[in-house]
C-alpha atoms as a PDB file:
ATOM      1  CA  MET A   1     -10.642  22.872 -19.717  1.00  0.00           C
ATOM      2  CA  LYS A   2     -10.997  19.127 -20.017  1.00  0.00           C
ATOM      3  CA  ALA A   3      -9.874  16.666 -22.676  1.00  0.00           C
ATOM      4  CA  MET A   4      -9.654  12.939 -23.296  1.00  0.00           C
ATOM      5  CA  ILE A   5      -6.991  11.054 -25.221  1.00  0.00           C
ATOM      6  CA  LEU A   6      -8.142   7.802 -26.807  1.00  0.00           C
ATOM      7  CA  ALA A   7      -5.188   5.473 -26.188  1.00  0.00           C
ATOM      8  CA  ALA A   8      -6.761   2.078 -25.522  1.00  0.00           C
ATOM      9  CA  GLY A   9      -6.425   0.584 -29.017  1.00  0.00           C
ATOM     10  CA  LEU A  10      -4.483  -2.609 -29.679  1.00  0.00           C
ATOM     11  CA  GLY A  11      -2.431  -1.051 -32.469  1.00  0.00           C
ATOM     12  CA  THR A  12      -2.680  -4.193 -34.590  1.00  0.00           C
ATOM     13  CA  ARG A  13      -1.493  -2.400 -37.728  1.00  0.00           C
ATOM     14  CA  LEU A  14       1.663  -1.376 -35.874  1.00  0.00           C
ATOM     15  CA  ARG A  15       2.774  -4.930 -35.093  1.00  0.00           C
ATOM     16  CA  PRO A  16       5.406  -6.123 -34.302  1.00  0.00           C
ATOM     17  CA  LEU A  17       6.074  -2.805 -32.500  1.00  0.00           C
ATOM     18  CA  THR A  18       2.936  -3.211 -30.398  1.00  0.00           C
ATOM     19  CA  ASN A  19       3.682  -6.816 -29.459  1.00  0.00           C
ATOM     20  CA  THR A  20       5.518  -5.560 -26.393  1.00  0.00           C
ATOM     21  CA  ILE A  21       4.376  -1.951 -25.862  1.00  0.00           C
ATOM     22  CA  PRO A  22       1.109  -0.043 -26.233  1.00  0.00           C
ATOM     23  CA  LYS A  23       0.628   2.157 -29.286  1.00  0.00           C
ATOM     24  CA  ALA A  24       0.647   5.248 -27.094  1.00  0.00           C
ATOM     25  CA  LEU A  25       4.270   4.604 -26.080  1.00  0.00           C
ATOM     26  CA  ILE A  26       5.661   4.159 -29.586  1.00  0.00           C
ATOM     27  CA  ARG A  27       8.286   6.823 -30.163  1.00  0.00           C
ATOM     28  CA  LEU A  28       8.431   9.256 -33.053  1.00  0.00           C
ATOM     29  CA  ASN A  29      11.874  10.841 -33.235  1.00  0.00           C
ATOM     30  CA  GLY A  30      12.450   9.875 -29.616  1.00  0.00           C
ATOM     31  CA  ILE A  31       9.171  11.208 -28.222  1.00  0.00           C
ATOM     32  CA  THR A  32       6.212   8.954 -27.449  1.00  0.00           C
ATOM     33  CA  LEU A  33       2.918   9.537 -29.209  1.00  0.00           C
ATOM     34  CA  LEU A  34       1.267   9.990 -25.832  1.00  0.00           C
ATOM     35  CA  GLU A  35       3.680  12.719 -24.771  1.00  0.00           C
ATOM     36  CA  ARG A  36       3.175  14.541 -28.060  1.00  0.00           C
ATOM     37  CA  ALA A  37      -0.602  14.435 -27.650  1.00  0.00           C
ATOM     38  CA  ILE A  38      -0.452  15.589 -24.029  1.00  0.00           C
ATOM     39  CA  LYS A  39       1.848  18.509 -24.851  1.00  0.00           C
ATOM     40  CA  LYS A  40      -0.272  19.662 -27.780  1.00  0.00           C
ATOM     41  CA  ILE A  41      -3.425  19.495 -25.711  1.00  0.00           C
ATOM     42  CA  SER A  42      -1.927  21.239 -22.693  1.00  0.00           C
ATOM     43  CA  LEU A  43      -0.436  24.039 -24.816  1.00  0.00           C
ATOM     44  CA  ALA A  44      -3.972  24.760 -26.019  1.00  0.00           C
ATOM     45  CA  GLY A  45      -5.109  25.246 -22.424  1.00  0.00           C
ATOM     46  CA  PHE A  46      -6.601  21.832 -21.675  1.00  0.00           C
ATOM     47  CA  ASN A  47      -5.131  21.049 -18.260  1.00  0.00           C
ATOM     48  CA  GLU A  48      -7.414  18.242 -17.060  1.00  0.00           C
ATOM     49  CA  ILE A  49      -6.921  15.124 -19.160  1.00  0.00           C
ATOM     50  CA  MET A  50      -8.469  11.663 -19.143  1.00  0.00           C
ATOM     51  CA  ILE A  51      -6.605   8.814 -20.887  1.00  0.00           C
ATOM     52  CA  ASN A  52      -8.198   5.435 -21.541  1.00  0.00           C
ATOM     53  CA  VAL A  53      -5.970   2.347 -21.536  1.00  0.00           C
ATOM     54  CA  HIS A  54      -6.286  -1.348 -22.379  1.00  0.00           C
ATOM     55  CA  HIS A  55      -3.205  -2.768 -24.123  1.00  0.00           C
ATOM     56  CA  PHE A  56      -0.274  -2.979 -21.641  1.00  0.00           C
ATOM     57  CA  PRO A  57      -2.011  -0.467 -19.352  1.00  0.00           C
ATOM     58  CA  GLU A  58       0.590  -0.687 -16.586  1.00  0.00           C
ATOM     59  CA  GLN A  59       3.264   0.579 -18.980  1.00  0.00           C
ATOM     60  CA  ILE A  60       1.265   3.730 -19.646  1.00  0.00           C
ATOM     61  CA  LYS A  61       0.597   4.259 -15.950  1.00  0.00           C
ATOM     62  CA  HIS A  62       4.295   3.831 -15.160  1.00  0.00           C
ATOM     63  CA  PHE A  63       5.273   6.238 -17.957  1.00  0.00           C
ATOM     64  CA  LEU A  64       2.956   8.918 -16.580  1.00  0.00           C
ATOM     65  CA  GLU A  65       4.299   8.402 -13.073  1.00  0.00           C
ATOM     66  CA  GLN A  66       7.868   8.783 -14.348  1.00  0.00           C
ATOM     67  CA  LYS A  67       6.904  12.006 -16.108  1.00  0.00           C
ATOM     68  CA  LYS A  68       5.098  13.204 -12.957  1.00  0.00           C
ATOM     69  CA  TYR A  69       1.979  13.484 -15.081  1.00  0.00           C
ATOM     70  CA  PHE A  70       3.574  16.427 -16.899  1.00  0.00           C
ATOM     71  CA  GLY A  71       2.403  18.665 -14.087  1.00  0.00           C
ATOM     72  CA  LEU A  72      -1.209  18.235 -15.162  1.00  0.00           C
ATOM     73  CA  ASN A  73      -4.346  16.736 -13.686  1.00  0.00           C
ATOM     74  CA  ILE A  74      -4.315  13.415 -15.559  1.00  0.00           C
ATOM     75  CA  SER A  75      -6.756  10.575 -14.847  1.00  0.00           C
ATOM     76  CA  ILE A  76      -6.863   7.019 -16.198  1.00  0.00           C
ATOM     77  CA  SER A  77      -9.900   5.124 -17.456  1.00  0.00           C
ATOM     78  CA  ASP A  78      -8.860   1.467 -17.313  1.00  0.00           C
ATOM     79  CA  GLU A  79     -10.431  -0.819 -19.918  1.00  0.00           C
ATOM     80  CA  SER A  80      -8.208  -3.798 -19.089  1.00  0.00           C
ATOM     81  CA  ASP A  81     -11.198  -6.121 -18.733  1.00  0.00           C
ATOM     82  CA  GLU A  82     -12.711  -5.207 -22.099  1.00  0.00           C
ATOM     83  CA  LEU A  83     -11.848  -2.894 -24.960  1.00  0.00           C
ATOM     84  CA  LEU A  84     -14.920  -0.695 -25.345  1.00  0.00           C
ATOM     85  CA  ASP A  85     -14.337   0.917 -28.765  1.00  0.00           C
ATOM     86  CA  THR A  86     -14.316   4.710 -29.106  1.00  0.00           C
ATOM     87  CA  GLY A  87     -17.879   5.362 -28.008  1.00  0.00           C
ATOM     88  CA  GLY A  88     -17.829   2.916 -25.138  1.00  0.00           C
ATOM     89  CA  GLY A  89     -14.503   4.260 -23.953  1.00  0.00           C
ATOM     90  CA  LEU A  90     -15.886   7.780 -23.810  1.00  0.00           C
ATOM     91  CA  LYS A  91     -19.064   6.575 -22.126  1.00  0.00           C
ATOM     92  CA  LYS A  92     -17.086   4.910 -19.338  1.00  0.00           C
ATOM     93  CA  ALA A  93     -15.290   8.212 -18.690  1.00  0.00           C
ATOM     94  CA  ALA A  94     -18.457  10.335 -18.795  1.00  0.00           C
ATOM     95  CA  TRP A  95     -18.216  11.054 -15.062  1.00  0.00           C
ATOM     96  CA  PHE A  96     -15.055  13.080 -15.726  1.00  0.00           C
ATOM     97  CA  PHE A  97     -16.878  15.684 -17.818  1.00  0.00           C
ATOM     98  CA  ASN A  98     -19.068  17.052 -15.049  1.00  0.00           C
ATOM     99  CA  ASP A  99     -18.553  20.802 -15.498  1.00  0.00           C
ATOM    100  CA  ALA A 100     -21.151  21.350 -18.251  1.00  0.00           C
ATOM    101  CA  LYS A 101     -18.445  22.714 -20.563  1.00  0.00           C
ATOM    102  CA  PRO A 102     -17.391  21.515 -24.040  1.00  0.00           C
ATOM    103  CA  PHE A 103     -14.423  19.165 -24.052  1.00  0.00           C
ATOM    104  CA  LEU A 104     -11.817  17.830 -26.460  1.00  0.00           C
ATOM    105  CA  LEU A 105     -11.507  14.233 -27.651  1.00  0.00           C
ATOM    106  CA  HIS A 106      -8.185  13.428 -29.361  1.00  0.00           C
ATOM    107  CA  ASN A 107      -6.813  10.191 -30.827  1.00  0.00           C
ATOM    108  CA  VAL A 108      -3.349   9.351 -29.515  1.00  0.00           C
ATOM    109  CA  ASP A 109      -2.041   8.364 -32.956  1.00  0.00           C
ATOM    110  CA  VAL A 110      -2.778  11.675 -34.700  1.00  0.00           C
ATOM    111  CA  LEU A 111       0.030  14.129 -35.423  1.00  0.00           C
ATOM    112  CA  THR A 112      -1.071  17.486 -36.804  1.00  0.00           C
ATOM    113  CA  ASP A 113      -0.861  21.250 -36.311  1.00  0.00           C
ATOM    114  CA  ILE A 114      -4.643  21.703 -36.187  1.00  0.00           C
ATOM    115  CA  ASN A 115      -5.400  24.701 -33.990  1.00  0.00           C
ATOM    116  CA  LEU A 116      -7.416  23.282 -31.112  1.00  0.00           C
ATOM    117  CA  ASN A 117      -8.552  26.677 -29.844  1.00  0.00           C
ATOM    118  CA  GLU A 118      -9.944  27.596 -33.247  1.00  0.00           C
ATOM    119  CA  LEU A 119     -11.768  24.267 -33.317  1.00  0.00           C
ATOM    120  CA  LEU A 120     -13.243  24.998 -29.886  1.00  0.00           C
ATOM    121  CA  ASN A 121     -14.317  28.514 -30.909  1.00  0.00           C
ATOM    122  CA  SER A 122     -15.963  27.168 -34.058  1.00  0.00           C
ATOM    123  CA  HIS A 123     -17.832  24.609 -31.993  1.00  0.00           C
ATOM    124  CA  ILE A 124     -19.145  27.236 -29.586  1.00  0.00           C
ATOM    125  CA  LYS A 125     -20.175  29.522 -32.459  1.00  0.00           C
ATOM    126  CA  ASN A 126     -22.077  26.776 -34.279  1.00  0.00           C
ATOM    127  CA  ASN A 127     -24.010  25.707 -31.184  1.00  0.00           C
ATOM    128  CA  SER A 128     -23.578  22.052 -32.146  1.00  0.00           C
ATOM    129  CA  ILE A 129     -23.494  18.989 -29.945  1.00  0.00           C
ATOM    130  CA  ALA A 130     -20.300  17.844 -31.660  1.00  0.00           C
ATOM    131  CA  THR A 131     -17.760  19.428 -34.007  1.00  0.00           C
ATOM    132  CA  LEU A 132     -15.455  17.129 -35.972  1.00  0.00           C
ATOM    133  CA  ALA A 133     -12.103  18.284 -37.326  1.00  0.00           C
ATOM    134  CA  VAL A 134     -11.966  17.300 -41.002  1.00  0.00           C
ATOM    135  CA  MET A 135      -9.797  18.078 -43.995  1.00  0.00           C
ATOM    136  CA  LYS A 136      -9.321  17.361 -47.677  1.00  0.00           C
ATOM    137  CA  ARG A 137      -6.870  14.468 -47.791  1.00  0.00           C
ATOM    138  CA  GLU A 138      -6.542  11.035 -49.313  1.00  0.00           C
ATOM    139  CA  SER A 139      -8.462   8.496 -47.283  1.00  0.00           C
ATOM    140  CA  SER A 140     -10.665   5.542 -48.152  1.00  0.00           C
ATOM    141  CA  ARG A 141     -13.136   6.689 -45.506  1.00  0.00           C
ATOM    142  CA  GLN A 142     -14.922   9.994 -46.005  1.00  0.00           C
ATOM    143  CA  PHE A 143     -17.589  11.873 -44.056  1.00  0.00           C
ATOM    144  CA  LEU A 144     -20.346  13.471 -46.120  1.00  0.00           C
ATOM    145  CA  PHE A 145     -21.582  16.990 -45.332  1.00  0.00           C
ATOM    146  CA  ASP A 146     -24.128  19.396 -46.746  1.00  0.00           C
ATOM    147  CA  ASP A 147     -23.234  22.948 -47.788  1.00  0.00           C
ATOM    148  CA  GLU A 148     -23.509  24.140 -44.187  1.00  0.00           C
ATOM    149  CA  MET A 149     -21.121  21.411 -43.012  1.00  0.00           C
ATOM    150  CA  ASN A 150     -23.800  19.414 -41.237  1.00  0.00           C
ATOM    151  CA  LEU A 151     -22.917  15.737 -41.053  1.00  0.00           C
ATOM    152  CA  CYS A 152     -25.020  13.711 -43.489  1.00  0.00           C
ATOM    153  CA  GLY A 153     -23.282  10.399 -44.017  1.00  0.00           C
ATOM    154  CA  TRP A 154     -20.158   8.311 -44.498  1.00  0.00           C
ATOM    155  CA  GLN A 155     -18.533   6.365 -47.323  1.00  0.00           C
ATOM    156  CA  ASN A 156     -15.833   3.734 -47.575  1.00  0.00           C
ATOM    157  CA  LEU A 157     -14.392   4.196 -51.044  1.00  0.00           C
ATOM    158  CA  LYS A 158     -12.611   0.817 -50.991  1.00  0.00           C
ATOM    159  CA  THR A 159     -15.588  -1.337 -50.082  1.00  0.00           C
ATOM    160  CA  ASN A 160     -18.320   0.965 -51.439  1.00  0.00           C
ATOM    161  CA  GLU A 161     -19.994   0.736 -48.042  1.00  0.00           C
ATOM    162  CA  GLU A 162     -22.197   3.721 -47.344  1.00  0.00           C
ATOM    163  CA  LYS A 163     -24.078   4.974 -44.309  1.00  0.00           C
ATOM    164  CA  ILE A 164     -26.525   7.810 -44.769  1.00  0.00           C
ATOM    165  CA  SER A 165     -27.885   9.620 -41.740  1.00  0.00           C
ATOM    166  CA  LYS A 166     -29.919  12.223 -43.617  1.00  0.00           C
ATOM    167  CA  LYS A 167     -31.481  12.485 -47.054  1.00  0.00           C
ATOM    168  CA  LEU A 168     -28.646  13.769 -49.196  1.00  0.00           C
ATOM    169  CA  LYS A 169     -29.178  16.238 -51.991  1.00  0.00           C
ATOM    170  CA  ASN A 170     -27.461  15.799 -55.324  1.00  0.00           C
ATOM    171  CA  HIS A 171     -24.566  17.874 -54.054  1.00  0.00           C
ATOM    172  CA  PHE A 172     -22.566  17.009 -50.960  1.00  0.00           C
ATOM    173  CA  LEU A 173     -19.058  17.561 -49.640  1.00  0.00           C
ATOM    174  CA  LYS A 174     -16.516  14.875 -48.767  1.00  0.00           C
ATOM    175  CA  TYR A 175     -13.923  15.304 -46.032  1.00  0.00           C
ATOM    176  CA  ALA A 176     -11.716  12.913 -44.099  1.00  0.00           C
ATOM    177  CA  PHE A 177     -11.981  12.850 -40.321  1.00  0.00           C
ATOM    178  CA  CYS A 178      -8.864  13.849 -38.369  1.00  0.00           C
ATOM    179  CA  GLY A 179      -9.539  11.971 -35.127  1.00  0.00           C
ATOM    180  CA  ILE A 180     -10.071  15.204 -33.197  1.00  0.00           C
ATOM    181  CA  GLN A 181     -13.411  16.573 -32.009  1.00  0.00           C
ATOM    182  CA  ILE A 182     -15.062  18.950 -29.558  1.00  0.00           C
ATOM    183  CA  LEU A 183     -18.119  17.617 -27.744  1.00  0.00           C
ATOM    184  CA  GLU A 184     -20.816  18.911 -25.430  1.00  0.00           C
ATOM    185  CA  PRO A 185     -21.426  16.927 -22.214  1.00  0.00           C
ATOM    186  CA  ALA A 186     -25.082  16.777 -23.301  1.00  0.00           C
ATOM    187  CA  ILE A 187     -23.996  14.215 -25.877  1.00  0.00           C
ATOM    188  CA  PHE A 188     -24.001  11.570 -23.157  1.00  0.00           C
ATOM    189  CA  ASP A 189     -27.792  11.899 -22.984  1.00  0.00           C
ATOM    190  CA  PHE A 190     -27.984  10.347 -26.456  1.00  0.00           C
ATOM    191  CA  PHE A 191     -25.557   7.478 -25.930  1.00  0.00           C
ATOM    192  CA  PRO A 192     -26.972   3.968 -26.465  1.00  0.00           C
ATOM    193  CA  GLN A 193     -27.590   1.592 -23.567  1.00  0.00           C
ATOM    194  CA  GLU A 194     -24.807  -0.757 -24.611  1.00  0.00           C
ATOM    195  CA  ASN A 195     -21.340  -0.103 -23.234  1.00  0.00           C
ATOM    196  CA  LYS A 196     -19.364  -0.965 -26.374  1.00  0.00           C
ATOM    197  CA  PHE A 197     -19.964   0.993 -29.576  1.00  0.00           C
ATOM    198  CA  SER A 198     -18.316   3.141 -32.250  1.00  0.00           C
ATOM    199  CA  LEU A 199     -18.464   6.921 -32.107  1.00  0.00           C
ATOM    200  CA  ILE A 200     -18.676   7.085 -35.896  1.00  0.00           C
ATOM    201  CA  ASP A 201     -21.863   5.015 -35.974  1.00  0.00           C
ATOM    202  CA  PHE A 202     -23.217   7.066 -33.089  1.00  0.00           C
ATOM    203  CA  TYR A 203     -22.512  10.370 -34.858  1.00  0.00           C
ATOM    204  CA  LEU A 204     -24.286   9.229 -37.996  1.00  0.00           C
ATOM    205  CA  LYS A 205     -27.363   8.127 -36.072  1.00  0.00           C
ATOM    206  CA  THR A 206     -27.465  11.156 -33.781  1.00  0.00           C
ATOM    207  CA  SER A 207     -27.069  13.652 -36.637  1.00  0.00           C
ATOM    208  CA  GLU A 208     -30.653  12.824 -37.613  1.00  0.00           C
ATOM    209  CA  GLU A 209     -31.849  14.775 -34.570  1.00  0.00           C
ATOM    210  CA  LYS A 210     -28.939  16.896 -33.371  1.00  0.00           C
ATOM    211  CA  THR A 211     -26.495  19.215 -35.101  1.00  0.00           C
ATOM    212  CA  ILE A 212     -23.106  17.636 -35.704  1.00  0.00           C
ATOM    213  CA  LYS A 213     -20.786  19.901 -37.630  1.00  0.00           C
ATOM    214  CA  GLY A 214     -17.588  19.441 -39.559  1.00  0.00           C
ATOM    215  CA  ASN A 215     -14.846  22.034 -39.155  1.00  0.00           C
ATOM    216  CA  ILE A 216     -12.513  22.231 -42.147  1.00  0.00           C
ATOM    217  CA  SER A 217      -8.898  22.359 -41.053  1.00  0.00           C
ATOM    218  CA  ASP A 218      -6.214  24.256 -42.929  1.00  0.00           C
ATOM    219  CA  SER A 219      -3.530  22.161 -41.230  1.00  0.00           C
ATOM    220  CA  SER A 220      -0.170  22.207 -43.016  1.00  0.00           C
ATOM    221  CA  PHE A 221       0.501  18.610 -42.031  1.00  0.00           C
ATOM    222  CA  PHE A 222      -1.433  15.590 -40.849  1.00  0.00           C
ATOM    223  CA  PHE A 223      -0.278  12.071 -40.041  1.00  0.00           C
ATOM    224  CA  ASP A 224      -2.418   9.142 -38.997  1.00  0.00           C
ATOM    225  CA  LEU A 225       0.265   7.121 -37.238  1.00  0.00           C
ATOM    226  CA  GLY A 226      -1.736   3.893 -37.195  1.00  0.00           C
ATOM    227  CA  THR A 227       0.662   1.995 -39.453  1.00  0.00           C
ATOM    228  CA  ILE A 228       4.412   1.458 -39.580  1.00  0.00           C
ATOM    229  CA  LYS A 229       4.482   2.998 -43.052  1.00  0.00           C
ATOM    230  CA  LYS A 230       2.894   6.226 -41.811  1.00  0.00           C
ATOM    231  CA  LEU A 231       5.144   6.237 -38.765  1.00  0.00           C
ATOM    232  CA  ASN A 232       8.228   5.990 -40.963  1.00  0.00           C
ATOM    233  CA  GLU A 233       6.947   8.753 -43.247  1.00  0.00           C
ATOM    234  CA  ALA A 234       6.370  11.021 -40.277  1.00  0.00           C
ATOM    235  CA  GLU A 235       9.851  10.359 -38.889  1.00  0.00           C
ATOM    236  CA  LYS A 236      11.397  11.409 -42.193  1.00  0.00           C
ATOM    237  CA  GLN A 237       9.365  14.621 -42.435  1.00  0.00           C
ATOM    238  CA  THR A 238       9.309  15.766 -38.827  1.00  0.00           C
ATOM    239  CA  THR A 239      11.802  16.375 -36.061  1.00  0.00           C
ATOM    240  CA  GLU A 240      10.391  18.356 -33.144  1.00  0.00           C
ATOM    241  CA  ILE A 241       6.729  18.576 -34.157  1.00  0.00           C
ATOM    242  CA  LEU A 242       4.258  18.453 -31.294  1.00  0.00           C
END
C-alpha cells in the first residue's frame, strides 16, 4: 500500500527551532517527527512512501540515507524551487499513485493513535473519493458535515470566515480535521490546472459533485505539533508514542 507524508512546510510557528532544521526533523522525546510518522504508517502496512520536501531538503534526504530508508520503499518529491501548498504538493507526486488503489496522506506534524487500517476500511465501505479523519476537539477551524458525514463546509471560529460547499440544513455537525486522509487516485482527475493550491479549498469545492466523507476518530490522544507550545505539551505527556 502507498502513502505520502506532507513534510514540505516551513514550520514558521516552530521558530526558532526551524531556523536551522526542517520541521520534519524536530525531535519529540529524542525521536524525529518524520521517523514517528514513517513508523506509524509502516506498522499499518503502508510500505511505499512518498515524502515531499522544501525547507532544508538535503537534511531530510541525509537523514533517510542514514536510516537506510527504514527498510522501506521511500521516494522524495522535491519542492525546493517552490513550496506548492498541500494540494500542489500532492499533485506533483501524482505519478507515484499509479496502482489504482486508495492511498494515505498524512501530515508530518500529527501525533495520534488513530487506527489507519480502520480509516482505510471505512473509506472503502463508503465508496467516497476522499475520507478525512476528524474528531471532536478544540480548534478554531472546523469542518461541517451533514448527518451522514458528508462534507458540507468549513468555519474559522476566530475570524468568522465561512466556506459552504453545499446548502446546509439547520442542523449540521462540527469536527476538527486531524491532518490524515485516505484518497482515491481518481481524485487527481478533479485537481485544478494550477500547480499551487490548498487541499482544504479543493475538498470544499469538489464535495459539490463527489462524495467526501468524514470519519470520526475515537483516538485517545491527538497532538498537532505545529507550535512550540504543543510540542512541549506532547513531550510532557508522551514518552514512546509512535
